[in-house]
Amino acid sequence: MVCKKCGEAMNWSIDGSTQGWSCPVCGWGIVTTYIDEIDIDQTEYCIYIKNMTIIGMEIIKIVAKIANVNFMIAKQMLQEKEACILKARAPEIKAAIAKLQESDIDFMVSPVFRY
């Protein structure tokens, strides 16, 4: 795209919730709202913990925080086979996945999570 004021080539950028063109020479630009695909996804996802053989206190704490439950309920969830620890929309699932990955906890998301 070419700047309507000075004729220079414009730069495309996305910054947070704004996207648009801006001229590096004169500063003229045109912007609009940008909504990331993850924020408009209405699918409810479920996180399941897999291959849990040893249930330590750190794992219980992490699951309790993600599931928003107390330690006793988190421990019970971990002892069940294929218990859903969190049912939520994509942004919340993505944050929970990051916590699980940081702690090397094996998990599965259903349906397939592509973010």
N, C-alpha and C. Protein backbone atom coordinates (compact mmCIF):
# COMPACT_ATOMS: atom_id res chain seq x y z
N MET A 1 0.85 -1.17 0.00
CA MET A 1 0.00 0.00 0.00
C MET A 1 0.91 1.24 0.00
N VAL A 2 0.45 2.26 -0.68
CA VAL A 2 1.22 3.50 -0.82
C VAL A 2 0.52 4.60 -0.01
N CYS A 3 1.33 5.40 0.68
CA CYS A 3 0.81 6.50 1.49
C CYS A 3 0.12 7.52 0.60
N LYS A 4 -1.07 7.93 1.00
CA LYS A 4 -1.84 8.91 0.22
C LYS A 4 -1.31 10.33 0.39
N LYS A 5 -0.51 10.56 1.44
CA LYS A 5 0.03 11.90 1.68
C LYS A 5 1.37 12.13 0.98
N CYS A 6 2.29 11.13 1.11
CA CYS A 6 3.64 11.37 0.59
C CYS A 6 4.07 10.37 -0.48
N GLY A 7 3.29 9.32 -0.72
CA GLY A 7 3.59 8.38 -1.79
C GLY A 7 4.58 7.27 -1.43
N GLU A 8 5.04 7.22 -0.18
CA GLU A 8 5.98 6.18 0.24
C GLU A 8 5.24 4.86 0.51
N ALA A 9 6.01 3.78 0.49
CA ALA A 9 5.44 2.47 0.83
C ALA A 9 5.13 2.44 2.32
N MET A 10 3.95 1.91 2.65
CA MET A 10 3.51 1.86 4.04
C MET A 10 3.82 0.50 4.66
N ASN A 11 3.90 0.48 5.98
CA ASN A 11 4.17 -0.74 6.72
C ASN A 11 2.90 -1.28 7.36
N TRP A 12 2.71 -2.60 7.31
CA TRP A 12 1.57 -3.28 7.93
C TRP A 12 2.00 -3.77 9.30
N SER A 13 1.15 -3.60 10.30
CA SER A 13 1.48 -4.12 11.63
C SER A 13 0.23 -4.48 12.41
N ILE A 14 0.42 -5.39 13.35
CA ILE A 14 -0.61 -5.74 14.32
C ILE A 14 0.00 -5.49 15.68
N ASP A 15 -0.68 -4.70 16.51
CA ASP A 15 -0.18 -4.38 17.85
C ASP A 15 -1.35 -4.51 18.83
N GLY A 16 -1.34 -5.62 19.57
CA GLY A 16 -2.43 -5.86 20.51
C GLY A 16 -3.74 -6.05 19.77
N SER A 17 -4.70 -5.16 20.02
CA SER A 17 -6.00 -5.28 19.36
C SER A 17 -6.16 -4.26 18.23
N THR A 18 -5.03 -3.77 17.71
CA THR A 18 -5.06 -2.81 16.61
C THR A 18 -4.24 -3.35 15.44
N GLN A 19 -4.76 -3.16 14.23
CA GLN A 19 -4.04 -3.53 13.03
C GLN A 19 -4.17 -2.41 12.01
N GLY A 20 -3.16 -2.27 11.16
CA GLY A 20 -3.29 -1.25 10.14
C GLY A 20 -1.99 -0.93 9.44
N TRP A 21 -2.09 0.09 8.60
CA TRP A 21 -0.97 0.56 7.78
C TRP A 21 -0.48 1.88 8.35
N SER A 22 0.85 2.06 8.34
CA SER A 22 1.41 3.35 8.76
C SER A 22 2.58 3.71 7.86
N CYS A 23 2.74 4.99 7.64
CA CYS A 23 3.81 5.49 6.79
C CYS A 23 5.04 5.78 7.65
N PRO A 24 6.19 5.19 7.32
CA PRO A 24 7.40 5.45 8.11
C PRO A 24 7.98 6.84 7.89
N VAL A 25 7.54 7.53 6.81
CA VAL A 25 8.10 8.84 6.48
C VAL A 25 7.29 9.98 7.12
N CYS A 26 5.99 10.02 6.84
CA CYS A 26 5.18 11.15 7.33
C CYS A 26 4.29 10.79 8.53
N GLY A 27 4.16 9.50 8.83
CA GLY A 27 3.38 9.09 9.99
C GLY A 27 1.90 8.89 9.74
N TRP A 28 1.43 9.17 8.53
CA TRP A 28 0.02 8.98 8.22
C TRP A 28 -0.31 7.49 8.30
N GLY A 29 -1.53 7.17 8.71
CA GLY A 29 -1.89 5.77 8.79
C GLY A 29 -3.38 5.54 8.82
N ILE A 30 -3.71 4.30 8.73
CA ILE A 30 -5.10 3.87 8.80
C ILE A 30 -5.11 2.60 9.65
N VAL A 31 -5.98 2.57 10.67
CA VAL A 31 -6.01 1.43 11.59
C VAL A 31 -7.44 0.97 11.81
N THR A 32 -7.54 -0.25 12.28
CA THR A 32 -8.84 -0.83 12.63
C THR A 32 -8.62 -1.84 13.76
N THR A 33 -9.69 -2.36 14.26
CA THR A 33 -9.62 -3.33 15.34
C THR A 33 -9.14 -4.67 14.83
N TYR A 34 -8.32 -5.33 15.64
CA TYR A 34 -7.86 -6.68 15.33
C TYR A 34 -8.30 -7.59 16.47
N ILE A 35 -9.01 -8.64 16.14
CA ILE A 35 -9.42 -9.63 17.13
C ILE A 35 -8.81 -10.96 16.73
N ASP A 36 -7.97 -11.47 17.61
CA ASP A 36 -7.29 -12.73 17.36
C ASP A 36 -8.32 -13.86 17.30
N GLU A 37 -8.05 -14.83 16.46
CA GLU A 37 -8.95 -15.96 16.26
C GLU A 37 -9.25 -16.70 17.57
N ILE A 38 -8.28 -16.80 18.46
CA ILE A 38 -8.48 -17.49 19.73
C ILE A 38 -9.54 -16.80 20.59
N ASP A 39 -9.66 -15.48 20.46
CA ASP A 39 -10.61 -14.72 21.27
C ASP A 39 -12.05 -14.82 20.79
N ILE A 40 -12.26 -15.26 19.56
CA ILE A 40 -13.63 -15.41 19.06
C ILE A 40 -14.07 -16.87 18.96
N ASP A 41 -13.16 -17.78 19.31
CA ASP A 41 -13.47 -19.21 19.30
C ASP A 41 -14.47 -19.51 20.42
N GLN A 42 -15.63 -20.01 20.09
CA GLN A 42 -16.69 -20.29 21.07
C GLN A 42 -16.69 -21.75 21.55
N THR A 43 -15.74 -22.55 21.09
CA THR A 43 -15.66 -23.96 21.46
C THR A 43 -15.30 -24.09 22.93
N GLU A 44 -15.93 -25.05 23.61
CA GLU A 44 -15.56 -25.38 24.99
C GLU A 44 -14.60 -26.57 24.92
N TYR A 45 -13.40 -26.38 25.45
CA TYR A 45 -12.37 -27.41 25.47
C TYR A 45 -12.28 -27.99 26.87
N CYS A 46 -11.74 -29.20 26.95
CA CYS A 46 -11.56 -29.86 28.23
C CYS A 46 -10.13 -30.39 28.31
N ILE A 47 -9.46 -30.13 29.45
CA ILE A 47 -8.10 -30.63 29.68
C ILE A 47 -8.17 -31.85 30.58
N TYR A 48 -7.52 -32.93 30.13
CA TYR A 48 -7.41 -34.17 30.89
C TYR A 48 -5.94 -34.41 31.22
N ILE A 49 -5.65 -34.82 32.44
CA ILE A 49 -4.29 -35.19 32.82
C ILE A 49 -4.08 -36.65 32.43
N LYS A 50 -2.91 -36.94 31.83
CA LYS A 50 -2.60 -38.30 31.37
C LYS A 50 -1.41 -38.87 32.14
N ASN A 51 -1.33 -40.19 32.14
CA ASN A 51 -0.17 -40.92 32.64
C ASN A 51 0.29 -40.48 34.03
N MET A 52 -0.64 -40.30 34.93
CA MET A 52 -0.31 -39.85 36.28
C MET A 52 -0.08 -41.07 37.17
N THR A 53 1.19 -41.37 37.44
CA THR A 53 1.51 -42.52 38.29
C THR A 53 1.85 -42.07 39.71
N ILE A 54 2.57 -40.96 39.83
CA ILE A 54 2.92 -40.43 41.14
C ILE A 54 2.25 -39.07 41.28
N ILE A 55 1.44 -38.95 42.33
CA ILE A 55 0.71 -37.70 42.55
C ILE A 55 1.36 -36.97 43.72
N GLY A 56 2.25 -36.03 43.39
CA GLY A 56 2.96 -35.26 44.41
C GLY A 56 2.23 -33.97 44.74
N MET A 57 2.68 -33.34 45.81
CA MET A 57 2.04 -32.11 46.29
C MET A 57 2.11 -30.98 45.25
N GLU A 58 3.23 -30.86 44.53
CA GLU A 58 3.35 -29.80 43.52
C GLU A 58 2.31 -29.98 42.41
N ILE A 59 2.12 -31.20 41.97
CA ILE A 59 1.14 -31.48 40.92
C ILE A 59 -0.27 -31.18 41.42
N ILE A 60 -0.55 -31.56 42.65
CA ILE A 60 -1.86 -31.27 43.25
C ILE A 60 -2.10 -29.77 43.31
N LYS A 61 -1.08 -28.99 43.69
CA LYS A 61 -1.20 -27.53 43.76
C LYS A 61 -1.52 -26.94 42.38
N ILE A 62 -0.80 -27.42 41.37
CA ILE A 62 -0.99 -26.89 40.01
C ILE A 62 -2.40 -27.20 39.52
N VAL A 63 -2.83 -28.45 39.70
CA VAL A 63 -4.17 -28.85 39.25
C VAL A 63 -5.24 -28.11 40.04
N ALA A 64 -5.04 -27.92 41.34
CA ALA A 64 -6.00 -27.19 42.16
C ALA A 64 -6.17 -25.76 41.65
N LYS A 65 -5.05 -25.13 41.29
CA LYS A 65 -5.11 -23.76 40.80
C LYS A 65 -5.81 -23.70 39.43
N ILE A 66 -5.46 -24.61 38.53
CA ILE A 66 -6.07 -24.62 37.20
C ILE A 66 -7.57 -24.91 37.29
N ALA A 67 -7.92 -25.91 38.10
CA ALA A 67 -9.33 -26.33 38.21
C ALA A 67 -10.14 -25.44 39.15
N ASN A 68 -9.44 -24.57 39.88
CA ASN A 68 -10.08 -23.69 40.86
C ASN A 68 -10.84 -24.50 41.92
N VAL A 69 -10.14 -25.50 42.46
CA VAL A 69 -10.70 -26.36 43.51
C VAL A 69 -9.69 -26.46 44.65
N ASN A 70 -10.13 -27.04 45.79
CA ASN A 70 -9.19 -27.22 46.89
C ASN A 70 -8.30 -28.44 46.63
N PHE A 71 -7.29 -28.63 47.49
CA PHE A 71 -6.31 -29.70 47.29
C PHE A 71 -6.95 -31.09 47.31
N MET A 72 -7.92 -31.29 48.19
CA MET A 72 -8.56 -32.61 48.29
C MET A 72 -9.27 -32.99 46.99
N ILE A 73 -10.00 -32.05 46.45
CA ILE A 73 -10.72 -32.32 45.19
C ILE A 73 -9.73 -32.50 44.05
N ALA A 74 -8.66 -31.71 44.03
CA ALA A 74 -7.64 -31.85 42.99
C ALA A 74 -7.00 -33.23 43.05
N LYS A 75 -6.72 -33.72 44.25
CA LYS A 75 -6.13 -35.05 44.41
C LYS A 75 -7.10 -36.12 43.92
N GLN A 76 -8.37 -35.97 44.24
CA GLN A 76 -9.39 -36.92 43.77
C GLN A 76 -9.47 -36.91 42.24
N MET A 77 -9.40 -35.74 41.66
CA MET A 77 -9.44 -35.62 40.19
C MET A 77 -8.27 -36.36 39.56
N LEU A 78 -7.09 -36.21 40.17
CA LEU A 78 -5.89 -36.85 39.64
C LEU A 78 -5.94 -38.37 39.79
N GLN A 79 -6.66 -38.86 40.78
CA GLN A 79 -6.75 -40.30 41.00
C GLN A 79 -7.75 -40.96 40.04
N GLU A 80 -8.67 -40.16 39.52
CA GLU A 80 -9.64 -40.69 38.55
C GLU A 80 -8.97 -40.87 37.20
N LYS A 81 -9.47 -41.81 36.45
CA LYS A 81 -8.96 -42.01 35.09
C LYS A 81 -9.73 -41.08 34.16
N GLU A 82 -9.00 -40.24 33.45
CA GLU A 82 -9.57 -39.30 32.48
C GLU A 82 -10.58 -38.34 33.09
N ALA A 83 -10.21 -37.68 34.16
CA ALA A 83 -11.06 -36.64 34.75
C ALA A 83 -10.74 -35.31 34.08
N CYS A 84 -11.76 -34.60 33.68
CA CYS A 84 -11.58 -33.28 33.10
C CYS A 84 -11.26 -32.31 34.23
N ILE A 85 -10.07 -31.69 34.19
CA ILE A 85 -9.72 -30.76 35.26
C ILE A 85 -10.13 -29.33 34.94
N LEU A 86 -10.39 -29.05 33.67
CA LEU A 86 -10.82 -27.70 33.29
C LEU A 86 -11.62 -27.77 32.00
N LYS A 87 -12.82 -27.19 32.04
CA LYS A 87 -13.64 -27.04 30.85
C LYS A 87 -13.83 -25.55 30.64
N ALA A 88 -13.28 -25.05 29.53
CA ALA A 88 -13.29 -23.60 29.31
C ALA A 88 -13.09 -23.28 27.84
N ARG A 89 -13.11 -21.99 27.53
CA ARG A 89 -12.87 -21.52 26.17
C ARG A 89 -11.38 -21.37 25.93
N ALA A 90 -11.01 -21.16 24.69
CA ALA A 90 -9.63 -21.21 24.22
C ALA A 90 -8.63 -20.36 25.01
N PRO A 91 -8.87 -19.08 25.31
CA PRO A 91 -7.85 -18.30 26.02
C PRO A 91 -7.49 -18.89 27.40
N GLU A 92 -8.49 -19.34 28.13
CA GLU A 92 -8.23 -19.92 29.45
C GLU A 92 -7.52 -21.27 29.33
N ILE A 93 -7.90 -22.05 28.32
CA ILE A 93 -7.24 -23.34 28.08
C ILE A 93 -5.77 -23.12 27.73
N LYS A 94 -5.49 -22.12 26.90
CA LYS A 94 -4.11 -21.82 26.51
C LYS A 94 -3.26 -21.47 27.72
N ALA A 95 -3.80 -20.69 28.65
CA ALA A 95 -3.06 -20.33 29.87
C ALA A 95 -2.81 -21.56 30.73
N ALA A 96 -3.80 -22.44 30.85
CA ALA A 96 -3.65 -23.66 31.64
C ALA A 96 -2.61 -24.59 31.02
N ILE A 97 -2.62 -24.69 29.70
CA ILE A 97 -1.65 -25.52 28.99
C ILE A 97 -0.23 -25.04 29.29
N ALA A 98 -0.02 -23.74 29.30
CA ALA A 98 1.31 -23.19 29.59
C ALA A 98 1.77 -23.61 30.98
N LYS A 99 0.88 -23.57 31.97
CA LYS A 99 1.24 -23.98 33.33
C LYS A 99 1.58 -25.46 33.39
N LEU A 100 0.80 -26.27 32.69
CA LEU A 100 1.06 -27.71 32.68
C LEU A 100 2.38 -28.03 31.98
N GLN A 101 2.66 -27.36 30.89
CA GLN A 101 3.91 -27.59 30.16
C GLN A 101 5.12 -27.15 30.98
N GLU A 102 5.00 -26.05 31.70
CA GLU A 102 6.09 -25.58 32.56
C GLU A 102 6.46 -26.64 33.60
N SER A 103 5.46 -27.38 34.05
CA SER A 103 5.66 -28.38 35.10
C SER A 103 5.85 -29.79 34.56
N ASP A 104 5.94 -29.93 33.25
CA ASP A 104 6.11 -31.24 32.60
C ASP A 104 5.00 -32.23 32.99
N ILE A 105 3.78 -31.75 33.06
CA ILE A 105 2.64 -32.61 33.35
C ILE A 105 2.01 -33.01 32.02
N ASP A 106 1.86 -34.31 31.81
CA ASP A 106 1.30 -34.83 30.57
C ASP A 106 -0.21 -34.63 30.57
N PHE A 107 -0.74 -34.11 29.47
CA PHE A 107 -2.17 -33.80 29.40
C PHE A 107 -2.69 -34.02 27.98
N MET A 108 -4.00 -33.94 27.85
CA MET A 108 -4.66 -34.05 26.56
C MET A 108 -5.79 -33.01 26.56
N VAL A 109 -6.04 -32.41 25.40
CA VAL A 109 -7.13 -31.45 25.27
C VAL A 109 -8.12 -32.00 24.25
N SER A 110 -9.39 -31.90 24.58
CA SER A 110 -10.44 -32.35 23.67
C SER A 110 -11.51 -31.28 23.57
N PRO A 111 -11.98 -30.96 22.36
CA PRO A 111 -11.51 -31.38 21.06
C PRO A 111 -10.10 -30.85 20.80
N VAL A 112 -9.55 -31.20 19.65
CA VAL A 112 -8.18 -30.83 19.30
C VAL A 112 -8.01 -29.30 19.45
N PHE A 113 -6.97 -28.92 20.16
CA PHE A 113 -6.69 -27.51 20.43
C PHE A 113 -5.59 -27.06 19.49
N ARG A 114 -5.88 -26.06 18.67
CA ARG A 114 -4.92 -25.66 17.62
C ARG A 114 -4.20 -24.35 17.88
N TYR A 115 -4.29 -23.85 19.10
CA TYR A 115 -3.63 -22.59 19.38
C TYR A 115 -2.37 -22.84 20.15
